[in-house]
């Protein structure tokens, strides 16, 4: 999400992602952190590393413990697998020419394939 904010500011973010900034997974993440997306966006655009921004998030939202991180990571890692996002995943696979890839069952896996990190 931080990189999407930066890319949008630079005019480099894929146009298909513009409408969902601050929504979907971005909104769930900021809600989980008890942050306002607009405030987070402003902080990111002030500058700072990917290590500094989470410190700000905890100071301005809520501190996270190991259980919180476990819950969030489990949620995100399975996003699209037999849930309310599954239809979107299938649509994205069709649009990307990956409709025949039955092995892609989560959004994170799809993104990794679509962006070339995995085959």
Protein backbone atom coordinates (compact mmCIF):
# COMPACT_ATOMS: atom_id res chain seq x y z
CA UNK A 1 0.00 0.00 0.00
CA UNK A 2 2.85 2.39 0.80
CA UNK A 3 4.40 1.87 -2.61
CA UNK A 4 1.03 2.35 -4.33
CA UNK A 5 0.69 5.71 -2.57
CA UNK A 6 4.16 6.73 -3.73
CA UNK A 7 3.60 5.54 -7.29
CA UNK A 8 0.27 7.37 -7.50
CA UNK A 9 1.93 10.60 -6.42
CA UNK A 10 4.60 10.14 -9.11
CA UNK A 11 1.96 9.40 -11.76
CA UNK A 12 3.32 5.87 -12.20
CA UNK A 13 0.56 3.76 -10.65
CA UNK A 14 -1.35 1.53 -13.07
CA UNK A 15 -4.59 3.28 -13.90
CA UNK A 16 -6.64 0.19 -13.05
CA UNK A 17 -5.59 0.59 -9.41
CA UNK A 18 -6.56 4.26 -9.03
CA UNK A 19 -10.22 3.72 -8.08
CA UNK A 20 -9.38 1.29 -5.28
CA UNK A 21 -6.79 3.35 -3.43
CA UNK A 22 -7.82 3.42 0.20
CA UNK A 23 -10.49 0.77 -0.41
CA UNK A 24 -10.49 -3.03 -0.39
CA UNK A 25 -7.32 -4.39 1.17
CA UNK A 26 -6.03 -0.84 1.76
CA UNK A 27 -9.19 -0.02 3.70
CA UNK A 28 -9.13 -3.28 5.63
CA UNK A 29 -5.50 -2.67 6.56
CA UNK A 30 -6.06 0.91 7.71
CA UNK A 31 -9.16 -0.23 9.60
CA UNK A 32 -7.18 -2.99 11.27
CA UNK A 33 -4.54 -0.44 12.26
CA UNK A 34 -7.23 2.07 13.39
CA UNK A 35 -5.91 4.66 10.94
CA UNK A 36 -7.51 6.99 8.45
CA UNK A 37 -6.25 6.28 4.92
CA UNK A 38 -6.00 9.99 4.11
CA UNK A 39 -3.79 10.55 7.17
CA UNK A 40 -1.60 7.59 6.24
CA UNK A 41 -1.31 8.84 2.68
CA UNK A 42 -0.26 12.28 3.92
CA UNK A 43 2.36 10.72 6.19
CA UNK A 44 3.77 8.56 3.40
CA UNK A 45 4.04 11.57 1.11
CA UNK A 46 6.00 13.46 3.77
CA UNK A 47 8.74 10.89 3.19
CA UNK A 48 10.22 8.12 5.21
CA UNK A 49 11.21 4.53 4.78
CA UNK A 50 9.07 1.41 4.87
CA UNK A 51 10.54 0.85 8.32
CA UNK A 52 9.62 4.32 9.62
CA UNK A 53 6.01 4.39 8.41
CA UNK A 54 4.86 1.39 10.53
CA UNK A 55 6.30 3.09 13.60
CA UNK A 56 4.13 6.12 12.77
CA UNK A 57 1.15 3.80 12.20
CA UNK A 58 1.46 2.29 15.66
CA UNK A 59 1.89 5.71 17.27
CA UNK A 60 -1.16 7.12 15.48
CA UNK A 61 -3.35 4.04 15.30
CA UNK A 62 -2.89 1.13 17.63
CA UNK A 63 0.12 -0.89 18.65
CA UNK A 64 0.26 -4.40 17.28
CA UNK A 65 1.39 -7.51 19.08
CA UNK A 66 2.51 -10.81 17.60
CA UNK A 67 -1.04 -12.18 17.65
CA UNK A 68 -2.30 -9.16 15.70
CA UNK A 69 0.39 -9.67 13.08
CA UNK A 70 -0.43 -13.38 12.86
CA UNK A 71 -4.14 -12.64 12.32
CA UNK A 72 -3.50 -9.98 9.67
CA UNK A 73 -0.93 -12.10 7.80
CA UNK A 74 -3.24 -15.13 7.81
CA UNK A 75 -6.12 -13.00 6.52
CA UNK A 76 -4.12 -11.40 3.72
CA UNK A 77 -2.34 -14.59 2.67
CA UNK A 78 -5.66 -16.34 2.02
CA UNK A 79 -7.52 -13.42 0.44
CA UNK A 80 -9.46 -14.71 -2.55
CA UNK A 81 -9.56 -18.34 -1.42
CA UNK A 82 -13.23 -19.32 -1.15
CA UNK A 83 -14.29 -15.93 0.20
CA UNK A 84 -16.03 -12.73 -0.87
CA UNK A 85 -13.04 -11.80 -3.06
CA UNK A 86 -13.04 -15.08 -5.05
CA UNK A 87 -15.17 -13.65 -7.91
CA UNK A 88 -12.76 -10.71 -8.27
CA UNK A 89 -9.82 -13.10 -8.37
CA UNK A 90 -11.44 -15.13 -11.14
CA UNK A 91 -12.21 -11.94 -13.09
CA UNK A 92 -8.61 -10.74 -12.76
CA UNK A 93 -7.30 -14.11 -13.90
CA UNK A 94 -9.48 -13.96 -17.03
CA UNK A 95 -8.39 -10.38 -17.76
CA UNK A 96 -4.73 -11.38 -17.38
CA UNK A 97 -4.95 -14.49 -19.54
CA UNK A 98 -4.53 -16.72 -16.49
CA UNK A 99 -8.02 -18.25 -16.41
CA UNK A 100 -6.58 -21.74 -16.92
CA UNK A 101 -4.33 -21.42 -13.86
CA UNK A 102 -6.28 -23.46 -11.30
CA UNK A 103 -3.24 -23.34 -9.01
CA UNK A 104 -3.78 -19.60 -8.45
CA UNK A 105 -6.33 -19.52 -5.64
CA UNK A 106 -5.38 -16.41 -3.65
CA UNK A 107 -4.91 -12.73 -4.47
CA UNK A 108 -1.28 -12.70 -3.22
CA UNK A 109 -0.40 -15.63 -5.51
CA UNK A 110 -2.16 -13.95 -8.43
CA UNK A 111 -0.30 -10.67 -7.85
CA UNK A 112 3.04 -12.49 -7.67
CA UNK A 113 2.34 -14.27 -10.99
CA UNK A 114 0.87 -11.19 -12.66
CA UNK A 115 3.85 -9.05 -11.64
CA UNK A 116 6.38 -11.69 -12.71
CA UNK A 117 7.76 -12.75 -9.33
CA UNK A 118 6.38 -16.28 -9.79
CA UNK A 119 5.63 -18.33 -12.88
